[in-house]
Amino acid sequence: MHSEHARQRLIRENLQFAGSGGVSQENANQGFRPAFRDCETLAIYPSRFADGRAAPFHLVDGLPAEAIEARDARGRVLRIKDSVVSGFVRNGRFYTREEASRALATLH
């Protein structure tokens, strides 16, 4: 997400995966929870509000400092590391949006 604003990327991904099961509102009922994974460290970060509460959709505001590249003057996240991808956690396993979409198709 180096050159693209973090929130813009999430909007683009939601549009891209809408209707496929790769967005929170389409897969939450099957136990998928929004999360991020750092592909370099393999760390998984559940999506959280800035105050630490679990978020029902992807939010970058609750990511830890090691996942963030830039913030604005008010402290809001502008960019996250290129190696951080959005996806979901289900039963302790991380799924990319594409993997979640495929998994959801097999559950129906």
N, C-alpha and C. Protein backbone atom coordinates (compact mmCIF):
# COMPACT_ATOMS: atom_id res chain seq x y z
N MET A 1 0.82 -1.19 0.00
CA MET A 1 0.00 0.00 0.00
C MET A 1 0.86 1.25 0.00
N HIS A 2 2.05 1.13 -0.52
CA HIS A 2 2.99 2.24 -0.46
C HIS A 2 2.44 3.48 -1.15
N SER A 3 2.03 3.36 -2.40
CA SER A 3 1.61 4.55 -3.13
C SER A 3 0.11 4.80 -3.05
N GLU A 4 -0.64 3.84 -2.61
CA GLU A 4 -2.09 3.99 -2.55
C GLU A 4 -2.53 4.19 -1.10
N HIS A 5 -3.37 5.14 -0.90
CA HIS A 5 -3.91 5.41 0.44
C HIS A 5 -4.59 4.13 0.94
N ALA A 6 -4.36 3.79 2.19
CA ALA A 6 -4.84 2.53 2.76
C ALA A 6 -6.35 2.38 2.63
N ARG A 7 -7.09 3.42 2.94
CA ARG A 7 -8.55 3.34 2.87
C ARG A 7 -9.03 3.19 1.43
N GLN A 8 -8.36 3.84 0.49
CA GLN A 8 -8.73 3.71 -0.92
C GLN A 8 -8.54 2.28 -1.39
N ARG A 9 -7.48 1.65 -0.93
CA ARG A 9 -7.23 0.26 -1.33
C ARG A 9 -8.33 -0.65 -0.79
N LEU A 10 -8.75 -0.44 0.45
CA LEU A 10 -9.82 -1.28 1.01
C LEU A 10 -11.12 -1.09 0.24
N ILE A 11 -11.42 0.13 -0.16
CA ILE A 11 -12.63 0.38 -0.95
C ILE A 11 -12.54 -0.35 -2.28
N ARG A 12 -11.38 -0.24 -2.93
CA ARG A 12 -11.18 -0.92 -4.22
C ARG A 12 -11.34 -2.43 -4.07
N GLU A 13 -10.75 -3.00 -3.01
CA GLU A 13 -10.86 -4.44 -2.78
C GLU A 13 -12.31 -4.85 -2.51
N ASN A 14 -13.03 -4.06 -1.74
CA ASN A 14 -14.44 -4.37 -1.47
C ASN A 14 -15.25 -4.37 -2.76
N LEU A 15 -14.99 -3.43 -3.64
CA LEU A 15 -15.69 -3.40 -4.93
C LEU A 15 -15.30 -4.60 -5.78
N GLN A 16 -14.03 -4.93 -5.79
CA GLN A 16 -13.52 -6.05 -6.59
C GLN A 16 -14.12 -7.38 -6.13
N PHE A 17 -14.27 -7.58 -4.83
CA PHE A 17 -14.72 -8.87 -4.31
C PHE A 17 -16.20 -8.90 -3.92
N ALA A 18 -16.92 -7.83 -4.16
CA ALA A 18 -18.35 -7.79 -3.85
C ALA A 18 -19.08 -8.90 -4.62
N GLY A 19 -19.94 -9.61 -3.91
CA GLY A 19 -20.70 -10.68 -4.54
C GLY A 19 -19.99 -12.01 -4.61
N SER A 20 -18.73 -12.06 -4.17
CA SER A 20 -17.94 -13.28 -4.29
C SER A 20 -17.71 -13.98 -2.95
N GLY A 21 -18.11 -13.33 -1.86
CA GLY A 21 -17.80 -13.87 -0.54
C GLY A 21 -16.50 -13.36 0.02
N GLY A 22 -15.83 -12.49 -0.70
CA GLY A 22 -14.55 -11.95 -0.26
C GLY A 22 -14.65 -10.63 0.49
N VAL A 23 -15.85 -10.32 0.99
CA VAL A 23 -16.04 -9.11 1.80
C VAL A 23 -16.76 -9.50 3.09
N SER A 24 -16.53 -8.74 4.13
CA SER A 24 -17.00 -9.07 5.48
C SER A 24 -18.49 -9.35 5.56
N GLN A 25 -19.32 -8.50 4.95
CA GLN A 25 -20.75 -8.66 5.09
C GLN A 25 -21.28 -9.91 4.39
N GLU A 26 -20.47 -10.53 3.54
CA GLU A 26 -20.91 -11.73 2.82
C GLU A 26 -20.39 -13.02 3.45
N ASN A 27 -19.44 -12.94 4.36
CA ASN A 27 -18.88 -14.18 4.89
C ASN A 27 -18.86 -14.27 6.42
N ALA A 28 -19.25 -13.22 7.09
CA ALA A 28 -19.22 -13.22 8.56
C ALA A 28 -20.11 -14.32 9.14
N ASN A 29 -21.22 -14.61 8.49
CA ASN A 29 -22.12 -15.64 9.00
C ASN A 29 -21.53 -17.04 8.92
N GLN A 30 -20.41 -17.19 8.23
CA GLN A 30 -19.71 -18.48 8.14
C GLN A 30 -18.46 -18.50 9.02
N GLY A 31 -18.32 -17.51 9.88
CA GLY A 31 -17.21 -17.49 10.82
C GLY A 31 -15.94 -16.81 10.35
N PHE A 32 -15.99 -16.13 9.23
CA PHE A 32 -14.83 -15.38 8.74
C PHE A 32 -14.78 -14.03 9.45
N ARG A 33 -13.64 -13.68 9.99
CA ARG A 33 -13.46 -12.40 10.68
C ARG A 33 -12.40 -11.59 9.95
N PRO A 34 -12.65 -10.30 9.70
CA PRO A 34 -11.69 -9.48 8.96
C PRO A 34 -10.36 -9.39 9.70
N ALA A 35 -9.29 -9.47 8.92
CA ALA A 35 -7.94 -9.45 9.48
C ALA A 35 -6.95 -9.01 8.41
N PHE A 36 -5.72 -8.83 8.84
CA PHE A 36 -4.62 -8.49 7.94
C PHE A 36 -3.47 -9.44 8.24
N ARG A 37 -2.66 -9.71 7.22
CA ARG A 37 -1.46 -10.53 7.42
C ARG A 37 -0.27 -9.81 6.80
N ASP A 38 0.82 -9.80 7.54
CA ASP A 38 2.08 -9.28 7.01
C ASP A 38 2.78 -10.46 6.35
N CYS A 39 2.91 -10.42 5.05
CA CYS A 39 3.49 -11.53 4.30
C CYS A 39 4.99 -11.70 4.56
N GLU A 40 5.64 -10.70 5.09
CA GLU A 40 7.06 -10.81 5.45
C GLU A 40 7.25 -11.52 6.78
N THR A 41 6.47 -11.14 7.77
CA THR A 41 6.64 -11.69 9.12
C THR A 41 5.65 -12.81 9.43
N LEU A 42 4.60 -12.93 8.60
CA LEU A 42 3.49 -13.87 8.78
C LEU A 42 2.63 -13.53 10.00
N ALA A 43 2.83 -12.35 10.56
CA ALA A 43 1.99 -11.90 11.67
C ALA A 43 0.58 -11.64 11.15
N ILE A 44 -0.41 -12.04 11.94
CA ILE A 44 -1.81 -11.82 11.61
C ILE A 44 -2.39 -10.83 12.61
N TYR A 45 -3.09 -9.84 12.08
CA TYR A 45 -3.68 -8.80 12.91
C TYR A 45 -5.19 -8.77 12.69
N PRO A 46 -5.98 -9.16 13.67
CA PRO A 46 -7.43 -9.02 13.52
C PRO A 46 -7.77 -7.54 13.31
N SER A 47 -8.78 -7.30 12.52
CA SER A 47 -9.20 -5.92 12.28
C SER A 47 -9.79 -5.34 13.57
N ARG A 48 -9.32 -4.16 13.93
CA ARG A 48 -9.74 -3.52 15.18
C ARG A 48 -9.98 -2.03 14.96
N PHE A 49 -10.87 -1.51 15.81
CA PHE A 49 -11.03 -0.06 15.87
C PHE A 49 -9.78 0.49 16.54
N ALA A 50 -9.56 1.79 16.45
CA ALA A 50 -8.37 2.42 17.04
C ALA A 50 -8.28 2.18 18.54
N ASP A 51 -9.43 1.99 19.20
CA ASP A 51 -9.43 1.77 20.65
C ASP A 51 -9.22 0.30 21.03
N GLY A 52 -9.02 -0.56 20.04
CA GLY A 52 -8.72 -1.96 20.31
C GLY A 52 -9.89 -2.92 20.22
N ARG A 53 -11.11 -2.40 20.11
CA ARG A 53 -12.27 -3.28 19.98
C ARG A 53 -12.26 -3.98 18.62
N ALA A 54 -12.74 -5.21 18.59
CA ALA A 54 -12.83 -5.95 17.33
C ALA A 54 -13.76 -5.21 16.37
N ALA A 55 -13.34 -5.11 15.12
CA ALA A 55 -14.14 -4.44 14.09
C ALA A 55 -14.81 -5.49 13.21
N PRO A 56 -16.06 -5.25 12.80
CA PRO A 56 -16.77 -6.22 11.96
C PRO A 56 -16.43 -6.12 10.48
N PHE A 57 -15.50 -5.23 10.14
CA PHE A 57 -15.05 -5.03 8.76
C PHE A 57 -13.60 -4.58 8.82
N HIS A 58 -12.96 -4.46 7.68
CA HIS A 58 -11.55 -4.09 7.65
C HIS A 58 -11.34 -2.61 7.98
N LEU A 59 -10.52 -2.38 9.00
CA LEU A 59 -10.12 -1.03 9.41
C LEU A 59 -8.62 -1.04 9.64
N VAL A 60 -7.94 -0.03 9.15
CA VAL A 60 -6.49 0.04 9.35
C VAL A 60 -6.13 0.78 10.64
N ASP A 61 -7.08 1.48 11.23
CA ASP A 61 -6.79 2.30 12.40
C ASP A 61 -6.30 1.51 13.61
N GLY A 62 -6.66 0.25 13.71
CA GLY A 62 -6.24 -0.57 14.83
C GLY A 62 -5.00 -1.40 14.60
N LEU A 63 -4.36 -1.22 13.45
CA LEU A 63 -3.13 -1.98 13.17
C LEU A 63 -2.00 -1.50 14.06
N PRO A 64 -1.09 -2.41 14.44
CA PRO A 64 0.04 -2.00 15.27
C PRO A 64 1.05 -1.18 14.47
N ALA A 65 1.90 -0.45 15.17
CA ALA A 65 2.86 0.45 14.54
C ALA A 65 3.74 -0.25 13.51
N GLU A 66 4.11 -1.50 13.76
CA GLU A 66 5.01 -2.20 12.84
C GLU A 66 4.37 -2.48 11.48
N ALA A 67 3.07 -2.34 11.35
CA ALA A 67 2.39 -2.56 10.08
C ALA A 67 2.13 -1.26 9.32
N ILE A 68 2.42 -0.14 9.93
CA ILE A 68 2.07 1.17 9.38
C ILE A 68 3.30 1.89 8.83
N GLU A 69 3.14 2.48 7.64
CA GLU A 69 4.22 3.26 7.03
C GLU A 69 4.06 4.75 7.27
N ALA A 70 2.83 5.24 7.27
CA ALA A 70 2.64 6.69 7.41
C ALA A 70 1.30 7.00 8.07
N ARG A 71 1.31 8.08 8.87
CA ARG A 71 0.11 8.63 9.49
C ARG A 71 0.01 10.10 9.14
N ASP A 72 -1.19 10.64 9.21
CA ASP A 72 -1.35 12.07 8.98
C ASP A 72 -1.09 12.82 10.29
N ALA A 73 -1.22 14.14 10.26
CA ALA A 73 -0.92 14.97 11.43
C ALA A 73 -1.84 14.66 12.61
N ARG A 74 -3.00 14.10 12.35
CA ARG A 74 -3.95 13.76 13.42
C ARG A 74 -3.77 12.31 13.91
N GLY A 75 -2.80 11.61 13.33
CA GLY A 75 -2.53 10.24 13.77
C GLY A 75 -3.27 9.16 13.02
N ARG A 76 -4.06 9.52 12.03
CA ARG A 76 -4.79 8.52 11.25
C ARG A 76 -3.85 7.84 10.27
N VAL A 77 -4.08 6.57 10.05
CA VAL A 77 -3.24 5.78 9.15
C VAL A 77 -3.46 6.24 7.71
N LEU A 78 -2.35 6.54 7.03
CA LEU A 78 -2.40 6.87 5.61
C LEU A 78 -1.97 5.68 4.76
N ARG A 79 -0.85 5.05 5.14
CA ARG A 79 -0.32 3.92 4.37
C ARG A 79 0.12 2.82 5.32
N ILE A 80 -0.09 1.59 4.87
CA ILE A 80 0.44 0.46 5.60
C ILE A 80 1.50 -0.20 4.72
N LYS A 81 2.29 -1.05 5.31
CA LYS A 81 3.38 -1.71 4.58
C LYS A 81 2.84 -2.44 3.35
N ASP A 82 3.64 -2.46 2.29
CA ASP A 82 3.25 -3.18 1.08
C ASP A 82 3.02 -4.66 1.36
N SER A 83 3.70 -5.19 2.34
CA SER A 83 3.61 -6.62 2.65
C SER A 83 2.36 -6.99 3.44
N VAL A 84 1.58 -6.02 3.85
CA VAL A 84 0.37 -6.28 4.63
C VAL A 84 -0.83 -6.39 3.68
N VAL A 85 -1.52 -7.53 3.77
CA VAL A 85 -2.68 -7.78 2.91
C VAL A 85 -3.92 -7.98 3.77
N SER A 86 -5.05 -7.61 3.20
CA SER A 86 -6.32 -7.82 3.92
C SER A 86 -6.86 -9.19 3.59
N GLY A 87 -7.59 -9.73 4.55
CA GLY A 87 -8.21 -11.04 4.36
C GLY A 87 -9.08 -11.35 5.57
N PHE A 88 -9.11 -12.61 5.94
CA PHE A 88 -9.99 -13.05 7.01
C PHE A 88 -9.34 -14.17 7.81
N VAL A 89 -9.77 -14.33 9.04
CA VAL A 89 -9.38 -15.46 9.86
C VAL A 89 -10.63 -16.28 10.14
N ARG A 90 -10.49 -17.57 9.97
CA ARG A 90 -11.58 -18.51 10.28
C ARG A 90 -10.95 -19.75 10.88
N ASN A 91 -11.42 -20.13 12.05
CA ASN A 91 -10.89 -21.32 12.72
C ASN A 91 -9.37 -21.28 12.84
N GLY A 92 -8.82 -20.10 13.12
CA GLY A 92 -7.39 -19.96 13.33
C GLY A 92 -6.54 -19.90 12.07
N ARG A 93 -7.15 -19.93 10.90
CA ARG A 93 -6.41 -19.88 9.64
C ARG A 93 -6.68 -18.56 8.93
N PHE A 94 -5.62 -17.98 8.34
CA PHE A 94 -5.79 -16.76 7.56
C PHE A 94 -6.15 -17.11 6.13
N TYR A 95 -7.11 -16.38 5.58
CA TYR A 95 -7.53 -16.51 4.19
C TYR A 95 -7.38 -15.16 3.51
N THR A 96 -6.77 -15.12 2.33
CA THR A 96 -6.83 -13.89 1.54
C THR A 96 -8.28 -13.71 1.11
N ARG A 97 -8.59 -12.58 0.53
CA ARG A 97 -9.97 -12.37 0.07
C ARG A 97 -10.33 -13.42 -0.99
N GLU A 98 -9.41 -13.71 -1.88
CA GLU A 98 -9.67 -14.70 -2.93
C GLU A 98 -9.86 -16.09 -2.32
N GLU A 99 -9.03 -16.45 -1.36
CA GLU A 99 -9.17 -17.75 -0.70
C GLU A 99 -10.49 -17.85 0.06
N ALA A 100 -10.89 -16.77 0.71
CA ALA A 100 -12.16 -16.76 1.43
C ALA A 100 -13.32 -16.94 0.45
N SER A 101 -13.23 -16.30 -0.69
CA SER A 101 -14.26 -16.43 -1.71
C SER A 101 -14.39 -17.88 -2.16
N ARG A 102 -13.26 -18.51 -2.43
CA ARG A 102 -13.29 -19.92 -2.85
C ARG A 102 -13.81 -20.83 -1.73
N ALA A 103 -13.36 -20.59 -0.51
CA ALA A 103 -13.79 -21.41 0.63
C ALA A 103 -15.29 -21.27 0.84
N LEU A 104 -15.80 -20.07 0.72
CA LEU A 104 -17.23 -19.84 0.92
C LEU A 104 -18.05 -20.58 -0.14
N ALA A 105 -17.54 -20.63 -1.36
CA ALA A 105 -18.24 -21.34 -2.43
C ALA A 105 -18.37 -22.83 -2.12
N THR A 106 -17.38 -23.40 -1.45
CA THR A 106 -17.44 -24.82 -1.12
C THR A 106 -18.34 -25.09 0.09
N LEU A 107 -18.61 -24.07 0.89
CA LEU A 107 -19.47 -24.23 2.06
C LEU A 107 -20.95 -24.22 1.70
N HIS A 108 -21.26 -23.72 0.53
CA HIS A 108 -22.68 -23.61 0.12
C HIS A 108 -23.10 -24.77 -0.73
